[in-house]
């Protein structure tokens, strides 16, 4: 069925859908690149200078000495959460014709990840407020205050680990749909599934064995084995979607 478009011509529904998918692919590519480059810079220039794995006291002291840097890191994390939602919406538009139910599931999982990320930003602000609040010093001794702030930071770290579980799950589903649809080369989508499966395994290991958190820290060589593939994948898929887009003519649908 056709209908007139705003310019008076004939609008073909299938063509309109494909045009929306191609536009969404550009947005998704841009978001992939923004998140992976921004996250890498944030870790290198901000988190690595503040966070001392397994030492909350040293971390608190670093934050107190570099408050602006900590605020920049918090702001970046908020931007990454928002960008993640934009990315998920773009991927949903691209993959809804393949399987609407699975695309909705992945979108829901991404929204859960973003909500947890936003809550962790609030936790970080609470910690900062306690460090800056002179009124708290009348209630708590300095060492007690540091312990409480350290607890906030540990909660933030745990929340980040939980959000990575949702990150792994939502992108595995999205990339499964990309793999089945053939919108991008299957080897690329398959590499992405493997990359986020590693993140999922890493995150679940941290939850199941928290006593090994200092071993599986993000500055540890072991953890880089889990995260490096996803960084490489996001750079490649980001450039691919931004430059080449999606080959919607190759679509294979999945029974819902």
C-alpha atoms as a PDB file:
ATOM      1  CA  UNK A   1       0.000   0.000   0.000  1.00  0.00           C
ATOM      2  CA  UNK A   2       1.297   3.459  -0.894  1.00  0.00           C
ATOM      3  CA  UNK A   3       0.433   6.920   0.371  1.00  0.00           C
ATOM      4  CA  UNK A   4       1.278  10.483  -0.647  1.00  0.00           C
ATOM      5  CA  UNK A   5       4.268  12.039   1.081  1.00  0.00           C
ATOM      6  CA  UNK A   6       4.640  15.673   2.125  1.00  0.00           C
ATOM      7  CA  UNK A   7       6.050  16.671  -1.248  1.00  0.00           C
ATOM      8  CA  UNK A   8       3.060  15.202  -3.098  1.00  0.00           C
ATOM      9  CA  UNK A   9       4.890  12.109  -4.334  1.00  0.00           C
ATOM     10  CA  UNK A  10       4.180   8.498  -3.510  1.00  0.00           C
ATOM     11  CA  UNK A  11       5.635   7.100  -0.307  1.00  0.00           C
ATOM     12  CA  UNK A  12       6.316   3.361  -0.260  1.00  0.00           C
ATOM     13  CA  UNK A  13       6.176   1.951   3.306  1.00  0.00           C
ATOM     14  CA  UNK A  14       9.046  -0.487   2.796  1.00  0.00           C
ATOM     15  CA  UNK A  15      11.282   2.241   1.414  1.00  0.00           C
ATOM     16  CA  UNK A  16      10.409   4.545   4.319  1.00  0.00           C
ATOM     17  CA  UNK A  17      11.356   1.819   6.787  1.00  0.00           C
ATOM     18  CA  UNK A  18      14.658   1.212   5.021  1.00  0.00           C
ATOM     19  CA  UNK A  19      15.430   4.929   5.029  1.00  0.00           C
ATOM     20  CA  UNK A  20      14.774   5.040   8.787  1.00  0.00           C
ATOM     21  CA  UNK A  21      17.050   2.045   9.295  1.00  0.00           C
ATOM     22  CA  UNK A  22      19.860   3.675   7.332  1.00  0.00           C
ATOM     23  CA  UNK A  23      19.551   6.913   9.319  1.00  0.00           C
ATOM     24  CA  UNK A  24      19.484   4.950  12.562  1.00  0.00           C
ATOM     25  CA  UNK A  25      22.639   3.098  11.476  1.00  0.00           C
ATOM     26  CA  UNK A  26      24.509   6.407  11.210  1.00  0.00           C
ATOM     27  CA  UNK A  27      23.319   7.400  14.683  1.00  0.00           C
ATOM     28  CA  UNK A  28      24.299   4.006  16.108  1.00  0.00           C
ATOM     29  CA  UNK A  29      27.742   4.237  14.534  1.00  0.00           C
ATOM     30  CA  UNK A  30      28.281   7.696  15.983  1.00  0.00           C
ATOM     31  CA  UNK A  31      27.159   6.558  19.445  1.00  0.00           C
ATOM     32  CA  UNK A  32      29.398   3.474  19.368  1.00  0.00           C
ATOM     33  CA  UNK A  33      32.394   5.680  18.577  1.00  0.00           C
ATOM     34  CA  UNK A  34      31.498   8.353  21.134  1.00  0.00           C
ATOM     35  CA  UNK A  35      31.051   5.791  23.911  1.00  0.00           C
ATOM     36  CA  UNK A  36      34.157   3.719  23.238  1.00  0.00           C
ATOM     37  CA  UNK A  37      36.483   6.683  22.677  1.00  0.00           C
ATOM     38  CA  UNK A  38      34.968   8.643  25.560  1.00  0.00           C
ATOM     39  CA  UNK A  39      35.072   5.661  27.917  1.00  0.00           C
ATOM     40  CA  UNK A  40      38.701   4.913  27.042  1.00  0.00           C
ATOM     41  CA  UNK A  41      39.748   8.534  27.579  1.00  0.00           C
ATOM     42  CA  UNK A  42      37.736   8.748  30.799  1.00  0.00           C
ATOM     43  CA  UNK A  43      39.423   5.662  32.184  1.00  0.00           C
ATOM     44  CA  UNK A  44      42.896   6.725  31.069  1.00  0.00           C
ATOM     45  CA  UNK A  45      42.719  10.382  32.104  1.00  0.00           C
ATOM     46  CA  UNK A  46      40.293  10.292  35.040  1.00  0.00           C
ATOM     47  CA  UNK A  47      39.529   6.964  36.721  1.00  0.00           C
ATOM     48  CA  UNK A  48      43.061   5.578  36.602  1.00  0.00           C
ATOM     49  CA  UNK A  49      44.296   8.685  38.440  1.00  0.00           C
ATOM     50  CA  UNK A  50      41.649   8.466  41.166  1.00  0.00           C
ATOM     51  CA  UNK A  51      40.768   4.837  41.774  1.00  0.00           C
ATOM     52  CA  UNK A  52      43.158   2.656  43.754  1.00  0.00           C
ATOM     53  CA  UNK A  53      41.907  -0.917  43.513  1.00  0.00           C
ATOM     54  CA  UNK A  54      41.256  -2.467  46.914  1.00  0.00           C
ATOM     55  CA  UNK A  55      42.152   0.723  48.799  1.00  0.00           C
ATOM     56  CA  UNK A  56      39.135   2.901  49.543  1.00  0.00           C
ATOM     57  CA  UNK A  57      41.130   5.273  51.765  1.00  0.00           C
ATOM     58  CA  UNK A  58      43.640   6.068  49.022  1.00  0.00           C
ATOM     59  CA  UNK A  59      40.786   6.513  46.536  1.00  0.00           C
ATOM     60  CA  UNK A  60      38.993   8.949  48.871  1.00  0.00           C
ATOM     61  CA  UNK A  61      42.210  10.929  49.357  1.00  0.00           C
ATOM     62  CA  UNK A  62      42.700  11.118  45.585  1.00  0.00           C
ATOM     63  CA  UNK A  63      39.143  12.376  45.105  1.00  0.00           C
ATOM     64  CA  UNK A  64      39.579  15.043  47.784  1.00  0.00           C
ATOM     65  CA  UNK A  65      42.784  16.217  46.115  1.00  0.00           C
ATOM     66  CA  UNK A  66      41.257  16.152  42.604  1.00  0.00           C
ATOM     67  CA  UNK A  67      37.603  17.067  43.058  1.00  0.00           C
ATOM     68  CA  UNK A  68      37.220  18.683  39.628  1.00  0.00           C
ATOM     69  CA  UNK A  69      38.633  15.587  37.945  1.00  0.00           C
ATOM     70  CA  UNK A  70      36.147  13.432  39.858  1.00  0.00           C
ATOM     71  CA  UNK A  71      33.275  15.702  38.798  1.00  0.00           C
ATOM     72  CA  UNK A  72      34.405  15.445  35.175  1.00  0.00           C
ATOM     73  CA  UNK A  73      34.363  11.661  35.486  1.00  0.00           C
ATOM     74  CA  UNK A  74      30.847  11.677  36.948  1.00  0.00           C
ATOM     75  CA  UNK A  75      29.621  13.962  34.157  1.00  0.00           C
ATOM     76  CA  UNK A  76      31.177  11.675  31.563  1.00  0.00           C
ATOM     77  CA  UNK A  77      29.450   8.639  33.054  1.00  0.00           C
ATOM     78  CA  UNK A  78      26.104  10.419  32.877  1.00  0.00           C
ATOM     79  CA  UNK A  79      26.731  11.279  29.221  1.00  0.00           C
ATOM     80  CA  UNK A  80      27.657   7.658  28.493  1.00  0.00           C
ATOM     81  CA  UNK A  81      24.382   6.461  30.046  1.00  0.00           C
ATOM     82  CA  UNK A  82      22.380   8.890  27.899  1.00  0.00           C
ATOM     83  CA  UNK A  83      24.375   7.946  24.795  1.00  0.00           C
ATOM     84  CA  UNK A  84      23.742   4.273  25.547  1.00  0.00           C
ATOM     85  CA  UNK A  85      19.987   4.874  25.450  1.00  0.00           C
ATOM     86  CA  UNK A  86      20.315   6.726  22.122  1.00  0.00           C
ATOM     87  CA  UNK A  87      22.392   3.816  20.794  1.00  0.00           C
ATOM     88  CA  UNK A  88      19.775   1.302  21.927  1.00  0.00           C
ATOM     89  CA  UNK A  89      16.937   3.248  20.308  1.00  0.00           C
ATOM     90  CA  UNK A  90      18.884   3.401  17.044  1.00  0.00           C
ATOM     91  CA  UNK A  91      19.613  -0.344  17.161  1.00  0.00           C
ATOM     92  CA  UNK A  92      15.954  -1.018  17.935  1.00  0.00           C
ATOM     93  CA  UNK A  93      14.878   0.911  14.821  1.00  0.00           C
ATOM     94  CA  UNK A  94      17.398  -1.038  12.736  1.00  0.00           C
ATOM     95  CA  UNK A  95      16.508  -4.461  14.109  1.00  0.00           C
ATOM     96  CA  UNK A  96      12.773  -4.222  14.811  1.00  0.00           C
ATOM     97  CA  UNK A  97      11.923  -5.582  11.313  1.00  0.00           C
ATOM     98  CA  UNK A  98      14.083  -8.642  12.027  1.00  0.00           C
ATOM     99  CA  UNK A  99      12.385  -9.593  15.290  1.00  0.00           C
ATOM    100  CA  UNK A 100      10.400  -7.004  17.220  1.00  0.00           C
ATOM    101  CA  UNK A 101      10.181  -9.015  20.455  1.00  0.00           C
ATOM    102  CA  UNK A 102      13.916  -9.644  20.728  1.00  0.00           C
ATOM    103  CA  UNK A 103      14.678  -6.048  19.767  1.00  0.00           C
ATOM    104  CA  UNK A 104      12.317  -4.872  22.538  1.00  0.00           C
ATOM    105  CA  UNK A 105      14.006  -7.217  25.010  1.00  0.00           C
ATOM    106  CA  UNK A 106      17.422  -5.797  24.143  1.00  0.00           C
ATOM    107  CA  UNK A 107      16.068  -2.246  24.432  1.00  0.00           C
ATOM    108  CA  UNK A 108      14.623  -3.031  27.874  1.00  0.00           C
ATOM    109  CA  UNK A 109      17.947  -4.498  29.038  1.00  0.00           C
ATOM    110  CA  UNK A 110      19.771  -1.391  27.793  1.00  0.00           C
ATOM    111  CA  UNK A 111      17.329   0.854  29.681  1.00  0.00           C
ATOM    112  CA  UNK A 112      18.012  -1.153  32.854  1.00  0.00           C
ATOM    113  CA  UNK A 113      21.734  -0.655  32.306  1.00  0.00           C
ATOM    114  CA  UNK A 114      21.234   3.095  31.844  1.00  0.00           C
ATOM    115  CA  UNK A 115      19.061   3.384  34.968  1.00  0.00           C
ATOM    116  CA  UNK A 116      21.671   1.612  37.089  1.00  0.00           C
ATOM    117  CA  UNK A 117      24.353   3.855  35.590  1.00  0.00           C
ATOM    118  CA  UNK A 118      22.355   6.972  36.469  1.00  0.00           C
ATOM    119  CA  UNK A 119      21.826   5.737  40.041  1.00  0.00           C
ATOM    120  CA  UNK A 120      25.569   5.155  40.377  1.00  0.00           C
ATOM    121  CA  UNK A 121      26.164   8.748  39.278  1.00  0.00           C
ATOM    122  CA  UNK A 122      23.871   9.846  42.131  1.00  0.00           C
ATOM    123  CA  UNK A 123      25.814   7.641  44.558  1.00  0.00           C
ATOM    124  CA  UNK A 124      29.046   9.303  43.428  1.00  0.00           C
ATOM    125  CA  UNK A 125      27.517  12.746  44.005  1.00  0.00           C
ATOM    126  CA  UNK A 126      26.372  11.698  47.485  1.00  0.00           C
ATOM    127  CA  UNK A 127      29.929  10.617  48.278  1.00  0.00           C
ATOM    128  CA  UNK A 128      31.261  13.958  47.061  1.00  0.00           C
ATOM    129  CA  UNK A 129      28.671  15.872  49.092  1.00  0.00           C
ATOM    130  CA  UNK A 130      29.738  14.048  52.234  1.00  0.00           C
ATOM    131  CA  UNK A 131      33.378  14.883  51.621  1.00  0.00           C
ATOM    132  CA  UNK A 132      32.527  18.556  51.102  1.00  0.00           C
ATOM    133  CA  UNK A 133      29.863  18.898  53.793  1.00  0.00           C
ATOM    134  CA  UNK A 134      31.299  20.558  56.897  1.00  0.00           C
ATOM    135  CA  UNK A 135      28.100  19.684  58.769  1.00  0.00           C
ATOM    136  CA  UNK A 136      28.985  16.005  58.524  1.00  0.00           C
ATOM    137  CA  UNK A 137      32.197  16.650  60.481  1.00  0.00           C
ATOM    138  CA  UNK A 138      30.091  17.582  63.514  1.00  0.00           C
ATOM    139  CA  UNK A 139      28.461  14.149  63.395  1.00  0.00           C
ATOM    140  CA  UNK A 140      31.302  11.917  62.214  1.00  0.00           C
ATOM    141  CA  UNK A 141      34.999  11.850  62.909  1.00  0.00           C
ATOM    142  CA  UNK A 142      37.163  12.355  59.775  1.00  0.00           C
ATOM    143  CA  UNK A 143      38.145   8.677  59.684  1.00  0.00           C
ATOM    144  CA  UNK A 144      34.489   7.624  60.091  1.00  0.00           C
ATOM    145  CA  UNK A 145      33.501   9.948  57.270  1.00  0.00           C
ATOM    146  CA  UNK A 146      36.150   8.414  55.032  1.00  0.00           C
ATOM    147  CA  UNK A 147      34.827   4.948  55.838  1.00  0.00           C
ATOM    148  CA  UNK A 148      31.282   5.997  54.905  1.00  0.00           C
ATOM    149  CA  UNK A 149      32.455   7.598  51.661  1.00  0.00           C
ATOM    150  CA  UNK A 150      34.472   4.463  50.961  1.00  0.00           C
ATOM    151  CA  UNK A 151      31.270   2.456  51.393  1.00  0.00           C
ATOM    152  CA  UNK A 152      29.515   4.710  48.856  1.00  0.00           C
ATOM    153  CA  UNK A 153      32.359   4.161  46.405  1.00  0.00           C
ATOM    154  CA  UNK A 154      32.192   0.393  46.918  1.00  0.00           C
ATOM    155  CA  UNK A 155      28.445   0.498  46.242  1.00  0.00           C
ATOM    156  CA  UNK A 156      29.187   2.482  43.080  1.00  0.00           C
ATOM    157  CA  UNK A 157      31.740  -0.115  41.990  1.00  0.00           C
ATOM    158  CA  UNK A 158      29.287  -2.963  42.620  1.00  0.00           C
ATOM    159  CA  UNK A 159      26.548  -1.106  40.751  1.00  0.00           C
ATOM    160  CA  UNK A 160      28.875  -0.612  37.806  1.00  0.00           C
ATOM    161  CA  UNK A 161      29.563  -4.340  37.746  1.00  0.00           C
ATOM    162  CA  UNK A 162      25.821  -5.083  37.745  1.00  0.00           C
ATOM    163  CA  UNK A 163      25.279  -2.584  34.918  1.00  0.00           C
ATOM    164  CA  UNK A 164      27.921  -4.443  32.895  1.00  0.00           C
ATOM    165  CA  UNK A 165      25.831  -7.613  33.219  1.00  0.00           C
ATOM    166  CA  UNK A 166      22.980  -5.780  31.500  1.00  0.00           C
ATOM    167  CA  UNK A 167      25.451  -4.293  28.989  1.00  0.00           C
ATOM    168  CA  UNK A 168      26.654  -7.752  28.033  1.00  0.00           C
ATOM    169  CA  UNK A 169      23.140  -9.169  27.747  1.00  0.00           C
ATOM    170  CA  UNK A 170      21.570  -6.353  25.721  1.00  0.00           C
ATOM    171  CA  UNK A 171      24.363  -6.180  23.179  1.00  0.00           C
ATOM    172  CA  UNK A 172      24.504  -9.953  22.816  1.00  0.00           C
ATOM    173  CA  UNK A 173      20.804  -9.867  21.851  1.00  0.00           C
ATOM    174  CA  UNK A 174      21.216  -6.868  19.525  1.00  0.00           C
ATOM    175  CA  UNK A 175      24.247  -8.449  17.856  1.00  0.00           C
ATOM    176  CA  UNK A 176      22.492 -11.800  17.521  1.00  0.00           C
ATOM    177  CA  UNK A 177      19.823  -9.982  15.504  1.00  0.00           C
ATOM    178  CA  UNK A 178      22.519  -8.269  13.433  1.00  0.00           C
ATOM    179  CA  UNK A 179      24.143 -11.661  12.849  1.00  0.00           C
ATOM    180  CA  UNK A 180      20.893 -13.293  11.728  1.00  0.00           C
ATOM    181  CA  UNK A 181      19.807 -10.345   9.577  1.00  0.00           C
ATOM    182  CA  UNK A 182      23.110 -10.101   7.655  1.00  0.00           C
ATOM    183  CA  UNK A 183      22.850  -6.292   7.836  1.00  0.00           C
ATOM    184  CA  UNK A 184      26.582  -6.279   8.572  1.00  0.00           C
ATOM    185  CA  UNK A 185      29.150  -9.011   7.856  1.00  0.00           C
ATOM    186  CA  UNK A 186      28.404 -11.997  10.052  1.00  0.00           C
ATOM    187  CA  UNK A 187      32.033 -12.292  11.113  1.00  0.00           C
ATOM    188  CA  UNK A 188      31.798  -8.770  12.566  1.00  0.00           C
ATOM    189  CA  UNK A 189      28.539  -9.453  14.431  1.00  0.00           C
ATOM    190  CA  UNK A 190      29.926 -12.784  15.650  1.00  0.00           C
ATOM    191  CA  UNK A 191      33.048 -11.073  16.972  1.00  0.00           C
ATOM    192  CA  UNK A 192      30.781  -8.656  18.831  1.00  0.00           C
ATOM    193  CA  UNK A 193      28.801 -11.495  20.417  1.00  0.00           C
ATOM    194  CA  UNK A 194      32.060 -13.059  21.612  1.00  0.00           C
ATOM    195  CA  UNK A 195      33.318  -9.704  22.932  1.00  0.00           C
ATOM    196  CA  UNK A 196      30.236  -9.021  25.041  1.00  0.00           C
ATOM    197  CA  UNK A 197      30.051 -12.616  26.202  1.00  0.00           C
ATOM    198  CA  UNK A 198      33.491 -12.044  27.749  1.00  0.00           C
ATOM    199  CA  UNK A 199      32.208  -8.916  29.513  1.00  0.00           C
ATOM    200  CA  UNK A 200      29.196 -10.855  30.786  1.00  0.00           C
ATOM    201  CA  UNK A 201      31.438 -13.629  32.132  1.00  0.00           C
ATOM    202  CA  UNK A 202      33.767 -11.076  33.753  1.00  0.00           C
ATOM    203  CA  UNK A 203      30.892  -9.239  35.439  1.00  0.00           C
ATOM    204  CA  UNK A 204      29.219 -12.394  36.728  1.00  0.00           C
ATOM    205  CA  UNK A 205      32.580 -13.611  38.063  1.00  0.00           C
ATOM    206  CA  UNK A 206      32.939 -10.370  40.042  1.00  0.00           C
ATOM    207  CA  UNK A 207      29.449 -10.821  41.501  1.00  0.00           C
ATOM    208  CA  UNK A 208      29.881 -14.519  42.306  1.00  0.00           C
ATOM    209  CA  UNK A 209      33.425 -14.158  43.676  1.00  0.00           C
ATOM    210  CA  UNK A 210      33.731 -10.634  45.141  1.00  0.00           C
ATOM    211  CA  UNK A 211      36.749 -11.715  47.166  1.00  0.00           C
ATOM    212  CA  UNK A 212      38.627 -11.857  43.864  1.00  0.00           C
ATOM    213  CA  UNK A 213      37.630  -8.318  42.859  1.00  0.00           C
ATOM    214  CA  UNK A 214      41.167  -7.077  43.378  1.00  0.00           C
ATOM    215  CA  UNK A 215      42.396  -9.779  41.013  1.00  0.00           C
ATOM    216  CA  UNK A 216      39.776  -8.982  38.377  1.00  0.00           C
ATOM    217  CA  UNK A 217      40.213  -5.227  38.582  1.00  0.00           C
ATOM    218  CA  UNK A 218      39.933  -3.139  35.424  1.00  0.00           C
ATOM    219  CA  UNK A 219      43.572  -2.105  35.626  1.00  0.00           C
ATOM    220  CA  UNK A 220      44.652  -5.730  35.799  1.00  0.00           C
ATOM    221  CA  UNK A 221      46.100  -7.480  32.758  1.00  0.00           C
ATOM    222  CA  UNK A 222      43.612 -10.326  33.176  1.00  0.00           C
ATOM    223  CA  UNK A 223      40.623  -7.996  32.917  1.00  0.00           C
ATOM    224  CA  UNK A 224      42.002  -6.394  29.762  1.00  0.00           C
ATOM    225  CA  UNK A 225      41.618  -9.791  28.102  1.00  0.00           C
ATOM    226  CA  UNK A 226      37.892  -9.466  28.776  1.00  0.00           C
ATOM    227  CA  UNK A 227      37.479  -5.814  27.770  1.00  0.00           C
ATOM    228  CA  UNK A 228      39.957  -5.267  24.916  1.00  0.00           C
ATOM    229  CA  UNK A 229      37.894  -7.207  22.313  1.00  0.00           C
ATOM    230  CA  UNK A 230      34.807  -5.064  22.983  1.00  0.00           C
ATOM    231  CA  UNK A 231      36.837  -1.858  22.600  1.00  0.00           C
ATOM    232  CA  UNK A 232      38.164  -3.061  19.246  1.00  0.00           C
ATOM    233  CA  UNK A 233      34.704  -4.213  18.171  1.00  0.00           C
ATOM    234  CA  UNK A 234      33.025  -0.902  19.026  1.00  0.00           C
ATOM    235  CA  UNK A 235      35.623   1.006  17.021  1.00  0.00           C
ATOM    236  CA  UNK A 236      35.108  -1.260  14.003  1.00  0.00           C
ATOM    237  CA  UNK A 237      31.298  -1.454  14.157  1.00  0.00           C
ATOM    238  CA  UNK A 238      31.081   2.281  14.820  1.00  0.00           C
ATOM    239  CA  UNK A 239      33.086   3.111  11.714  1.00  0.00           C
ATOM    240  CA  UNK A 240      31.247   0.467   9.678  1.00  0.00           C
ATOM    241  CA  UNK A 241      27.786   1.778  10.545  1.00  0.00           C
ATOM    242  CA  UNK A 242      28.822   5.398  10.128  1.00  0.00           C
ATOM    243  CA  UNK A 243      30.496   4.892   6.741  1.00  0.00           C
ATOM    244  CA  UNK A 244      28.852   1.835   5.146  1.00  0.00           C
ATOM    245  CA  UNK A 245      25.620   1.619   7.099  1.00  0.00           C
ATOM    246  CA  UNK A 246      23.460  -1.518   6.987  1.00  0.00           C
ATOM    247  CA  UNK A 247      22.676  -3.710   4.003  1.00  0.00           C
ATOM    248  CA  UNK A 248      18.912  -3.940   4.492  1.00  0.00           C
ATOM    249  CA  UNK A 249      18.529  -5.920   1.264  1.00  0.00           C
ATOM    250  CA  UNK A 250      20.185  -8.880   3.013  1.00  0.00           C
ATOM    251  CA  UNK A 251      17.587  -9.101   5.754  1.00  0.00           C
ATOM    252  CA  UNK A 252      16.629 -12.483   7.136  1.00  0.00           C
ATOM    253  CA  UNK A 253      13.732 -12.254   9.586  1.00  0.00           C
ATOM    254  CA  UNK A 254      13.381 -14.433  12.661  1.00  0.00           C
ATOM    255  CA  UNK A 255      10.047 -15.946  13.600  1.00  0.00           C
ATOM    256  CA  UNK A 256       8.633 -14.143  16.618  1.00  0.00           C
END
